[in-house]
Amino acid sequence: MKFGEFELFVVSDGTFLLDGGAMFGTIPKVLWERTNPADDRNRILMGLNCLLIRTPVENILVDTGLGNAYDEKFAFLYGVDKSQTELLRSLAAAGVGAADISKVILTHLHFDHAGWNCFQEESGEFKPTFPNAVYYINQGELAYAKEPDPRSKPSYLPHTWEPLESRGQIALISGDKEVAPGVTILSAPGHTPNHQIVKVQSGGLTACFLADLVPTPSHLKAHYVMGFDLDALTAMKNKERVLKQAQAENWLLIFEHSPEVKAGYLTEDLKIEPVELASL
């Protein structure tokens, strides 16, 4: 999609399944299953939507999906499906190779957002997937990933950051940060203590990659927060703040975990008017 002087692409790493109750917290199933039907194991379909920002001078990738460093048990448990596409194939469809990415922005380091940070060679060694990229990570998020609380520990996998550290490819940031003209990382904690979203501005237009602040259009209501959110009240406040600004300024919203409607504009009644953002 042409976006001012930029091009925006949703680049998919396939789909997976997560427990519907965990995705909607205290919201009763009788409400959330209307838009997100569950399978016989109470799992709902989730997209793995990353964002490729093509500027006149570089290629920037926001989040890196689930990756491929998992075993059959993991794939079965989470219903991983990459039969249609995965991240590197999606990038190739946009004419971009791994070596062409100059910046990778990580909204946080959960395994479904940072999986392709690194890949595993046949020897078992992990190496950066994007060899020429600087990986932007919030310094508090990295510190938390290294020493997480017991509930969060399974969500953090050291191989997604340790090879980057050893090769000096990480740029640690704190708070809001413009990493390229028109591309700004914004603090939006709640899901994790240092969770971030990404704002893109070009030619008088604004888009926002919401990550896990609003993972799908079904989570637009303030109290529709996930059981995964470490601080639900903070997540609610930040969601209200961001969506209020998005509505007032007509931002294009991009949803990381929606399997169908991946982008759109917020209407007055808190619904999404879909936009066909190039999806690969």
Protein backbone atom coordinates (compact mmCIF):
# COMPACT_ATOMS: atom_id res chain seq x y z
CA MET A 1 0.00 0.00 0.00
CA LYS A 2 1.35 3.40 -0.96
CA PHE A 3 1.44 5.53 2.19
CA GLY A 4 2.75 9.02 1.52
CA GLU A 5 6.37 8.49 0.46
CA PHE A 6 6.39 5.04 2.07
CA GLU A 7 5.02 1.63 1.17
CA LEU A 8 3.42 -0.51 3.88
CA PHE A 9 3.06 -4.29 3.70
CA VAL A 10 1.62 -6.76 6.17
CA VAL A 11 4.08 -9.65 6.02
CA SER A 12 2.69 -12.81 7.56
CA ASP A 13 4.43 -15.57 9.47
CA GLY A 14 1.36 -17.79 9.19
CA THR A 15 -1.20 -18.46 11.89
CA PHE A 16 -1.42 -20.19 15.25
CA LEU A 17 -4.02 -20.93 17.92
CA LEU A 18 -4.34 -19.53 21.44
CA ASP A 19 -6.82 -20.21 24.22
CA GLY A 20 -9.83 -17.94 23.73
CA GLY A 21 -10.31 -17.39 27.44
CA ALA A 22 -6.72 -16.23 27.83
CA MET A 23 -7.12 -13.88 24.88
CA PHE A 24 -10.21 -12.19 26.37
CA GLY A 25 -9.54 -12.34 30.09
CA THR A 26 -12.72 -11.78 32.11
CA ILE A 27 -14.99 -11.38 29.06
CA PRO A 28 -17.45 -14.31 28.93
CA LYS A 29 -17.08 -16.78 26.10
CA VAL A 30 -20.70 -16.22 25.09
CA LEU A 31 -19.61 -12.72 24.00
CA TRP A 32 -16.20 -13.24 22.42
CA GLU A 33 -17.06 -16.42 20.51
CA ARG A 34 -19.45 -14.41 18.30
CA THR A 35 -16.50 -12.95 16.45
CA ASN A 36 -13.79 -15.46 17.38
CA PRO A 37 -15.21 -19.01 17.26
CA ALA A 38 -13.22 -21.55 19.26
CA ASP A 39 -12.22 -25.07 18.28
CA ASP A 40 -12.95 -28.13 20.43
CA ARG A 41 -9.96 -27.25 22.61
CA ASN A 42 -11.19 -23.67 23.17
CA ARG A 43 -8.48 -22.22 20.90
CA ILE A 44 -9.07 -19.33 18.50
CA LEU A 45 -7.27 -18.52 15.27
CA MET A 46 -4.57 -15.85 15.52
CA GLY A 47 -2.61 -14.12 12.79
CA LEU A 48 1.13 -13.50 12.94
CA ASN A 49 1.17 -10.18 11.13
CA CYS A 50 4.42 -8.25 10.98
CA LEU A 51 4.83 -4.87 9.27
CA LEU A 52 7.28 -4.03 6.50
CA ILE A 53 7.88 -0.30 6.08
CA ARG A 54 9.60 0.53 2.83
CA THR A 55 10.93 4.09 2.89
CA PRO A 56 12.76 5.80 0.04
CA VAL A 57 16.07 4.76 1.61
CA GLU A 58 15.58 1.57 3.67
CA ASN A 59 13.46 -1.41 4.69
CA ILE A 60 12.22 -1.52 8.29
CA LEU A 61 10.55 -4.58 9.81
CA VAL A 62 8.31 -4.40 12.89
CA ASP A 63 8.27 -7.66 14.88
CA THR A 64 9.40 -11.00 13.50
CA GLY A 65 6.61 -13.49 14.15
CA LEU A 66 6.92 -16.98 15.57
CA GLY A 67 10.03 -18.16 13.74
CA ASN A 68 10.77 -21.82 13.13
CA ALA A 69 12.78 -22.93 16.16
CA TYR A 70 10.09 -25.11 17.72
CA ASP A 71 9.40 -28.82 17.96
CA GLU A 72 6.41 -30.92 16.94
CA LYS A 73 4.89 -30.75 20.42
CA PHE A 74 4.92 -26.94 20.32
CA ALA A 75 3.45 -26.90 16.80
CA PHE A 76 0.65 -29.25 17.89
CA LEU A 77 -0.09 -27.39 21.12
CA TYR A 78 -0.35 -24.03 19.36
CA GLY A 79 -1.77 -25.24 16.07
CA VAL A 80 0.99 -23.57 14.06
CA ASP A 81 0.14 -23.33 10.36
CA LYS A 82 2.68 -22.03 7.87
CA SER A 83 1.34 -23.94 4.91
CA GLN A 84 0.34 -20.75 3.10
CA THR A 85 3.20 -18.48 4.08
CA GLU A 86 5.86 -17.61 6.62
CA LEU A 87 7.83 -14.44 7.22
CA LEU A 88 10.81 -14.92 4.91
CA ARG A 89 8.56 -16.01 2.04
CA SER A 90 6.32 -13.03 2.71
CA LEU A 91 9.27 -10.66 2.56
CA ALA A 92 10.47 -12.29 -0.65
CA ALA A 93 7.02 -11.72 -2.18
CA ALA A 94 7.55 -8.02 -1.45
CA GLY A 95 10.93 -8.18 -3.16
CA VAL A 96 12.89 -7.99 0.08
CA GLY A 97 15.56 -10.42 1.26
CA ALA A 98 16.77 -10.87 4.82
CA ALA A 99 19.94 -8.93 4.02
CA ASP A 100 17.87 -5.98 2.77
CA ILE A 101 16.38 -5.21 6.21
CA SER A 102 18.28 -2.37 7.87
CA LYS A 103 16.19 -2.01 11.04
CA VAL A 104 14.07 -4.40 13.09
CA ILE A 105 11.76 -2.93 15.73
CA LEU A 106 10.62 -5.27 18.50
CA THR A 107 7.44 -4.22 20.29
CA HIS A 108 8.35 -6.76 22.99
CA LEU A 109 10.19 -10.07 23.20
CA HIS A 110 7.43 -12.67 23.54
CA PHE A 111 8.11 -15.71 21.37
CA ASP A 112 5.32 -14.90 18.89
CA HIS A 113 6.76 -11.43 18.24
CA ALA A 114 10.51 -12.14 18.20
CA GLY A 115 10.75 -15.64 16.75
CA TRP A 116 12.56 -14.76 13.53
CA ASN A 117 15.08 -12.49 15.26
CA CYS A 118 17.43 -15.43 14.83
CA PHE A 119 17.44 -18.74 12.97
CA GLN A 120 18.95 -22.08 13.90
CA GLU A 121 21.61 -23.62 11.70
CA GLU A 122 21.97 -27.38 11.25
CA SER A 123 24.75 -27.29 13.82
CA GLY A 124 22.23 -26.02 16.37
CA GLU A 125 23.80 -22.56 16.58
CA PHE A 126 21.51 -19.54 16.39
CA LYS A 127 22.44 -16.59 14.18
CA PRO A 128 20.68 -13.29 13.37
CA THR A 129 18.15 -13.74 10.58
CA PHE A 130 18.70 -10.17 9.38
CA PRO A 131 22.49 -9.85 9.28
CA ASN A 132 22.64 -6.17 8.33
CA ALA A 133 19.93 -4.93 10.68
CA VAL A 134 20.00 -3.01 13.92
CA TYR A 135 17.43 -4.51 16.30
CA TYR A 136 15.67 -1.89 18.42
CA ILE A 137 14.66 -3.28 21.82
CA ASN A 138 13.44 -1.47 24.91
CA GLN A 139 16.12 -1.81 27.57
CA GLY A 140 13.57 -2.54 30.30
CA GLU A 141 11.94 -5.24 28.15
CA LEU A 142 15.29 -6.95 27.59
CA ALA A 143 16.10 -6.81 31.29
CA TYR A 144 12.67 -8.27 32.09
CA ALA A 145 13.09 -11.01 29.48
CA LYS A 146 16.31 -12.08 31.18
CA GLU A 147 14.70 -12.23 34.63
CA PRO A 148 10.94 -12.69 34.08
CA ASP A 149 8.30 -13.52 36.66
CA PRO A 150 7.34 -17.23 36.78
CA ARG A 151 4.15 -16.69 34.77
CA SER A 152 5.96 -14.88 31.96
CA LYS A 153 9.04 -17.10 31.77
CA PRO A 154 7.69 -19.47 29.07
CA SER A 155 7.05 -16.48 26.77
CA TYR A 156 10.72 -15.46 26.63
CA LEU A 157 13.27 -17.51 24.68
CA PRO A 158 16.94 -16.48 25.11
CA HIS A 159 17.89 -17.53 21.58
CA THR A 160 15.81 -14.61 20.28
CA TRP A 161 18.21 -12.04 21.75
CA GLU A 162 21.49 -13.64 22.89
CA PRO A 163 23.01 -13.99 19.37
CA LEU A 164 22.09 -10.35 18.70
CA GLU A 165 23.88 -9.23 21.85
CA SER A 166 27.01 -11.21 21.06
CA ARG A 167 27.20 -9.66 17.59
CA GLY A 168 26.45 -6.10 18.71
CA GLN A 169 23.25 -5.79 16.68
CA ILE A 170 20.99 -4.47 19.47
CA ALA A 171 20.18 -0.79 19.99
CA LEU A 172 18.64 -0.36 23.43
CA ILE A 173 16.08 2.40 23.78
CA SER A 174 14.03 3.89 26.60
CA GLY A 175 10.74 5.71 26.13
CA ASP A 176 9.55 7.14 22.82
CA LYS A 177 12.13 7.08 20.03
CA GLU A 178 12.15 8.12 16.38
CA VAL A 179 14.33 5.51 14.71
CA ALA A 180 13.95 6.87 11.17
CA PRO A 181 12.26 9.94 9.71
CA GLY A 182 8.54 9.26 10.14
CA VAL A 183 8.96 6.02 12.10
CA THR A 184 8.55 6.37 15.88
CA ILE A 185 8.45 3.80 18.66
CA LEU A 186 5.93 4.75 21.36
CA SER A 187 5.70 3.42 24.90
CA ALA A 188 2.41 1.62 25.60
CA PRO A 189 2.90 -0.60 28.67
CA GLY A 190 0.42 -2.96 30.24
CA HIS A 191 0.79 -6.17 28.26
CA THR A 192 4.39 -6.17 29.48
CA PRO A 193 5.98 -3.47 31.65
CA ASN A 194 7.75 -1.98 28.62
CA HIS A 195 5.46 -2.89 25.73
CA GLN A 196 5.70 -0.61 22.67
CA ILE A 197 3.72 0.29 19.56
CA VAL A 198 4.97 1.90 16.34
CA LYS A 199 3.69 5.06 14.62
CA VAL A 200 4.37 5.68 10.94
CA GLN A 201 3.93 9.14 9.39
CA SER A 202 4.43 10.18 5.78
CA GLY A 203 2.76 12.64 3.43
CA GLY A 204 0.29 13.84 6.05
CA LEU A 205 -0.85 10.27 6.81
CA THR A 206 -0.44 8.33 10.05
CA ALA A 207 -0.53 4.59 10.71
CA CYS A 208 -0.08 2.73 13.97
CA PHE A 209 1.04 -0.86 14.50
CA LEU A 210 -0.75 -1.75 17.73
CA ALA A 211 1.04 -4.99 18.64
CA ASP A 212 -0.53 -6.49 21.79
CA LEU A 213 -2.09 -3.24 22.98
CA VAL A 214 -5.01 -4.09 20.66
CA PRO A 215 -4.17 -7.48 19.14
CA THR A 216 -7.35 -7.80 17.03
CA PRO A 217 -10.39 -5.65 16.15
CA SER A 218 -12.31 -7.72 18.73
CA HIS A 219 -10.20 -6.05 21.44
CA LEU A 220 -11.10 -2.43 20.69
CA LYS A 221 -13.29 -1.99 23.78
CA ALA A 222 -11.20 -0.76 26.69
CA HIS A 223 -12.10 -3.63 29.04
CA TYR A 224 -11.45 -6.32 26.44
CA VAL A 225 -7.96 -7.03 27.72
CA MET A 226 -6.06 -10.29 27.66
CA GLY A 227 -5.37 -12.65 30.50
CA PHE A 228 -1.78 -12.43 29.27
CA ASP A 229 -1.59 -8.71 30.17
CA LEU A 230 0.59 -8.26 33.25
CA ASP A 231 -1.07 -4.95 34.19
CA ALA A 232 -4.61 -4.92 32.82
CA LEU A 233 -5.53 -1.49 34.21
CA THR A 234 -2.49 0.15 32.62
CA ALA A 235 -3.23 -1.63 29.35
CA MET A 236 -6.80 -0.30 29.43
CA LYS A 237 -5.67 3.28 30.07
CA ASN A 238 -3.12 3.18 27.27
CA LYS A 239 -5.60 1.60 24.89
CA GLU A 240 -8.14 4.36 25.56
CA ARG A 241 -5.46 7.03 25.12
CA VAL A 242 -4.11 5.66 21.84
CA LEU A 243 -7.51 4.92 20.29
CA LYS A 244 -8.84 8.35 21.21
CA GLN A 245 -5.94 9.96 19.37
CA ALA A 246 -6.25 7.51 16.49
CA GLN A 247 -9.91 8.38 16.06
CA ALA A 248 -9.35 12.14 16.30
CA GLU A 249 -6.44 12.10 13.84
CA ASN A 250 -7.76 9.37 11.50
CA TRP A 251 -4.91 6.90 11.95
CA LEU A 252 -4.70 3.70 9.96
CA LEU A 253 -4.63 0.92 12.58
CA ILE A 254 -2.70 -2.30 11.95
CA PHE A 255 -3.52 -5.43 13.99
CA GLU A 256 -0.78 -7.95 14.68
CA HIS A 257 -2.93 -10.95 15.59
CA SER A 258 -6.05 -10.57 13.45
CA PRO A 259 -6.26 -13.42 10.93
CA GLU A 260 -8.68 -11.57 8.66
CA VAL A 261 -9.04 -7.79 9.06
CA LYS A 262 -5.44 -6.72 9.35
CA ALA A 263 -5.86 -2.94 9.00
CA GLY A 264 -8.51 -0.26 8.98
CA TYR A 265 -9.82 3.03 10.31
CA LEU A 266 -11.68 3.43 13.59
CA THR A 267 -15.32 4.53 13.30
CA GLU A 268 -17.27 6.57 15.83
CA ASP A 269 -18.92 3.44 17.25
CA LEU A 270 -15.55 1.75 17.91
CA LYS A 271 -15.64 -0.53 14.90
CA ILE A 272 -13.14 -0.93 12.09
CA GLU A 273 -13.63 0.13 8.51
CA PRO A 274 -11.28 -2.35 6.78
CA VAL A 275 -8.54 -1.27 4.41
CA GLU A 276 -6.82 -3.58 1.96
CA LEU A 277 -3.22 -3.23 3.09
CA ALA A 278 -0.97 -5.35 0.89
CA SER A 279 -0.84 -8.67 2.73
CA LEU A 280 1.82 -11.20 1.80
